[in-house]
C-alpha atoms as a PDB file:
ATOM      1  CA  GLN A   1      -3.213  40.463 -23.454  1.00  0.00           C
ATOM      2  CA  VAL A   2      -6.499  40.900 -21.688  1.00  0.00           C
ATOM      3  CA  GLN A   3      -6.186  42.775 -18.155  1.00  0.00           C
ATOM      4  CA  LEU A   4      -8.904  43.622 -15.857  1.00  0.00           C
ATOM      5  CA  VAL A   5      -8.301  46.033 -13.080  1.00  0.00           C
ATOM      6  CA  GLU A   6     -10.461  46.659 -10.294  1.00  0.00           C
ATOM      7  CA  SER A   7     -10.849  49.720  -7.847  1.00  0.00           C
ATOM      8  CA  GLY A   8     -12.932  51.508  -5.670  1.00  0.00           C
ATOM      9  CA  GLY A   9     -12.763  49.156  -2.738  1.00  0.00           C
ATOM     10  CA  GLY A  10     -12.735  50.174   0.980  1.00  0.00           C
ATOM     11  CA  LEU A  11     -14.167  50.470   4.456  1.00  0.00           C
ATOM     12  CA  VAL A  12     -17.673  51.706   4.586  1.00  0.00           C
ATOM     13  CA  GLN A  13     -20.537  51.788   7.347  1.00  0.00           C
ATOM     14  CA  PRO A  14     -23.380  49.749   7.333  1.00  0.00           C
ATOM     15  CA  GLY A  15     -26.026  51.702   4.826  1.00  0.00           C
ATOM     16  CA  GLY A  16     -23.325  53.402   2.791  1.00  0.00           C
ATOM     17  CA  SER A  17     -22.195  53.243  -0.794  1.00  0.00           C
ATOM     18  CA  LEU A  18     -19.120  52.288  -2.675  1.00  0.00           C
ATOM     19  CA  ARG A  19     -18.768  52.282  -6.570  1.00  0.00           C
ATOM     20  CA  LEU A  20     -16.394  49.543  -8.061  1.00  0.00           C
ATOM     21  CA  SER A  21     -14.862  49.864 -11.188  1.00  0.00           C
ATOM     22  CA  CYS A  22     -13.232  47.645 -13.650  1.00  0.00           C
ATOM     23  CA  ALA A  23     -10.875  48.754 -16.178  1.00  0.00           C
ATOM     24  CA  VAL A  24     -10.584  46.150 -19.315  1.00  0.00           C
ATOM     25  CA  SER A  25      -7.713  46.307 -21.744  1.00  0.00           C
ATOM     26  CA  GLY A  26      -6.698  44.009 -24.358  1.00  0.00           C
ATOM     27  CA  THR A  27     -10.349  43.254 -25.826  1.00  0.00           C
ATOM     28  CA  ARG A  28     -13.125  45.174 -27.053  1.00  0.00           C
ATOM     29  CA  LEU A  29     -15.542  45.614 -23.934  1.00  0.00           C
ATOM     30  CA  SER A  30     -18.727  45.601 -26.435  1.00  0.00           C
ATOM     31  CA  PHE A  31     -17.788  42.026 -27.151  1.00  0.00           C
ATOM     32  CA  ASN A  32     -17.987  40.703 -23.534  1.00  0.00           C
ATOM     33  CA  VAL A  33     -20.437  39.890 -21.106  1.00  0.00           C
ATOM     34  CA  MET A  34     -19.031  40.971 -18.164  1.00  0.00           C
ATOM     35  CA  TYR A  35     -19.490  39.787 -14.350  1.00  0.00           C
ATOM     36  CA  TRP A  36     -18.939  40.829 -10.908  1.00  0.00           C
ATOM     37  CA  TYR A  37     -17.967  38.185  -8.333  1.00  0.00           C
ATOM     38  CA  ARG A  38     -17.182  38.196  -4.613  1.00  0.00           C
ATOM     39  CA  GLN A  39     -15.448  36.093  -1.942  1.00  0.00           C
ATOM     40  CA  ALA A  40     -15.865  36.390   1.593  1.00  0.00           C
ATOM     41  CA  PRO A  41     -13.407  34.720   4.039  1.00  0.00           C
ATOM     42  CA  GLY A  42     -13.907  31.064   4.331  1.00  0.00           C
ATOM     43  CA  LYS A  43     -16.680  31.045   1.464  1.00  0.00           C
ATOM     44  CA  ASP A  44     -16.762  30.045  -2.148  1.00  0.00           C
ATOM     45  CA  ARG A  45     -16.561  32.903  -4.706  1.00  0.00           C
ATOM     46  CA  GLU A  46     -20.165  33.901  -5.559  1.00  0.00           C
ATOM     47  CA  LEU A  47     -21.701  35.603  -8.703  1.00  0.00           C
ATOM     48  CA  VAL A  48     -23.079  38.785  -7.744  1.00  0.00           C
ATOM     49  CA  ALA A  49     -24.128  40.483 -10.857  1.00  0.00           C
ATOM     50  CA  GLY A  50     -23.686  40.183 -14.929  1.00  0.00           C
ATOM     51  CA  ILE A  51     -24.217  42.342 -17.956  1.00  0.00           C
ATOM     52  CA  SER A  52     -24.739  41.468 -21.561  1.00  0.00           C
ATOM     53  CA  SER A  53     -23.023  43.131 -24.464  1.00  0.00           C
ATOM     54  CA  GLY A  54     -26.557  44.449 -24.898  1.00  0.00           C
ATOM     55  CA  GLY A  55     -26.877  45.674 -21.346  1.00  0.00           C
ATOM     56  CA  SER A  56     -29.271  43.028 -20.098  1.00  0.00           C
ATOM     57  CA  THR A  57     -28.465  42.502 -16.106  1.00  0.00           C
ATOM     58  CA  ASN A  58     -29.011  39.859 -13.737  1.00  0.00           C
ATOM     59  CA  TYR A  59     -28.324  39.943 -10.075  1.00  0.00           C
ATOM     60  CA  ALA A  60     -27.956  37.502  -7.254  1.00  0.00           C
ATOM     61  CA  ASP A  61     -30.939  37.624  -4.955  1.00  0.00           C
ATOM     62  CA  SER A  62     -28.986  38.975  -1.858  1.00  0.00           C
ATOM     63  CA  VAL A  63     -27.987  42.107  -3.980  1.00  0.00           C
ATOM     64  CA  LYS A  64     -31.295  42.803  -5.715  1.00  0.00           C
ATOM     65  CA  GLY A  65     -32.703  46.249  -5.364  1.00  0.00           C
ATOM     66  CA  ARG A  66     -28.981  47.528  -3.819  1.00  0.00           C
ATOM     67  CA  PHE A  67     -26.672  46.803  -6.366  1.00  0.00           C
ATOM     68  CA  THR A  68     -26.658  48.128 -10.006  1.00  0.00           C
ATOM     69  CA  ILE A  69     -23.926  46.901 -12.845  1.00  0.00           C
ATOM     70  CA  SER A  70     -23.404  49.033 -15.721  1.00  0.00           C
ATOM     71  CA  ARG A  71     -20.838  49.322 -18.495  1.00  0.00           C
ATOM     72  CA  ASP A  72     -19.521  52.084 -20.480  1.00  0.00           C
ATOM     73  CA  ASN A  73     -18.042  50.493 -23.849  1.00  0.00           C
ATOM     74  CA  ASP A  74     -16.450  53.617 -25.043  1.00  0.00           C
ATOM     75  CA  LYS A  75     -14.192  53.771 -21.916  1.00  0.00           C
ATOM     76  CA  ASN A  76     -13.858  49.944 -21.717  1.00  0.00           C
ATOM     77  CA  MET A  77     -15.202  50.394 -18.108  1.00  0.00           C
ATOM     78  CA  VAL A  78     -17.709  48.252 -16.008  1.00  0.00           C
ATOM     79  CA  TYR A  79     -19.009  49.424 -12.647  1.00  0.00           C
ATOM     80  CA  LEU A  80     -21.068  48.285  -9.766  1.00  0.00           C
ATOM     81  CA  GLN A  81     -22.705  50.632  -7.677  1.00  0.00           C
ATOM     82  CA  MET A  82     -23.673  49.216  -4.454  1.00  0.00           C
ATOM     83  CA  ASN A  83     -25.984  50.879  -1.991  1.00  0.00           C
ATOM     84  CA  SER A  84     -27.394  50.263   1.378  1.00  0.00           C
ATOM     85  CA  LEU A  85     -24.435  47.966   2.324  1.00  0.00           C
ATOM     86  CA  LYS A  86     -24.427  45.284   4.633  1.00  0.00           C
ATOM     87  CA  PRO A  87     -21.715  43.751   6.865  1.00  0.00           C
ATOM     88  CA  GLU A  88     -22.417  40.578   4.938  1.00  0.00           C
ATOM     89  CA  ASP A  89     -21.397  42.137   1.728  1.00  0.00           C
ATOM     90  CA  THR A  90     -17.846  42.050   3.129  1.00  0.00           C
ATOM     91  CA  ALA A  91     -15.793  40.381   0.546  1.00  0.00           C
ATOM     92  CA  VAL A  92     -13.030  40.801  -2.051  1.00  0.00           C
ATOM     93  CA  TYR A  93     -14.685  41.736  -5.092  1.00  0.00           C
ATOM     94  CA  TYR A  94     -13.631  40.529  -8.692  1.00  0.00           C
ATOM     95  CA  CYS A  95     -14.625  41.340 -12.344  1.00  0.00           C
ATOM     96  CA  LYS A  96     -14.502  38.634 -15.122  1.00  0.00           C
ATOM     97  CA  ASN A  97     -15.182  38.691 -18.555  1.00  0.00           C
ATOM     98  CA  SER A  98     -16.675  36.083 -20.811  1.00  0.00           C
ATOM     99  CA  GLY A  99     -13.518  35.154 -21.962  1.00  0.00           C
ATOM    100  CA  GLY A 100     -12.476  33.837 -18.451  1.00  0.00           C
ATOM    101  CA  TYR A 101     -10.174  36.435 -17.412  1.00  0.00           C
ATOM    102  CA  TRP A 102     -10.143  37.845 -13.851  1.00  0.00           C
ATOM    103  CA  GLY A 103      -9.075  40.913 -12.096  1.00  0.00           C
ATOM    104  CA  GLN A 104      -6.934  41.005  -9.153  1.00  0.00           C
ATOM    105  CA  GLY A 105     -10.025  42.067  -6.677  1.00  0.00           C
ATOM    106  CA  THR A 106     -10.691  44.847  -4.455  1.00  0.00           C
ATOM    107  CA  GLN A 107     -11.609  44.703  -0.841  1.00  0.00           C
ATOM    108  CA  VAL A 108     -15.018  45.894   0.219  1.00  0.00           C
ATOM    109  CA  THR A 109     -15.469  46.035   4.003  1.00  0.00           C
ATOM    110  CA  VAL A 110     -18.578  46.888   5.688  1.00  0.00           C
ATOM    111  CA  SER A 111     -18.191  47.613   9.232  1.00  0.00           C
ATOM    112  CA  SER A 112     -19.210  50.107  11.916  1.00  0.00           C
END
């Protein structure tokens, strides 16, 4: 079965960086459009970034210029490089594939 497992979250100070990883199994990554979402306490889950099978990317306005989504089809991995982090980036981050499968999420907390 398809499984997505996120890792790389943690506590970071404002202005810091984190790289999230999403390990995909049970499907060939190259066939999938992949997404990163996040959900902050008391808020709806929102789309952060997406990457097509061909490598085209799109980002939420709130993260443009700070976050970078990438993929390694050979390793079946998707990444989210997050730079210049702000307290408002605090959330649980999830990866999702175009087949509708979600990971369990990884917590990112930006605080001094």
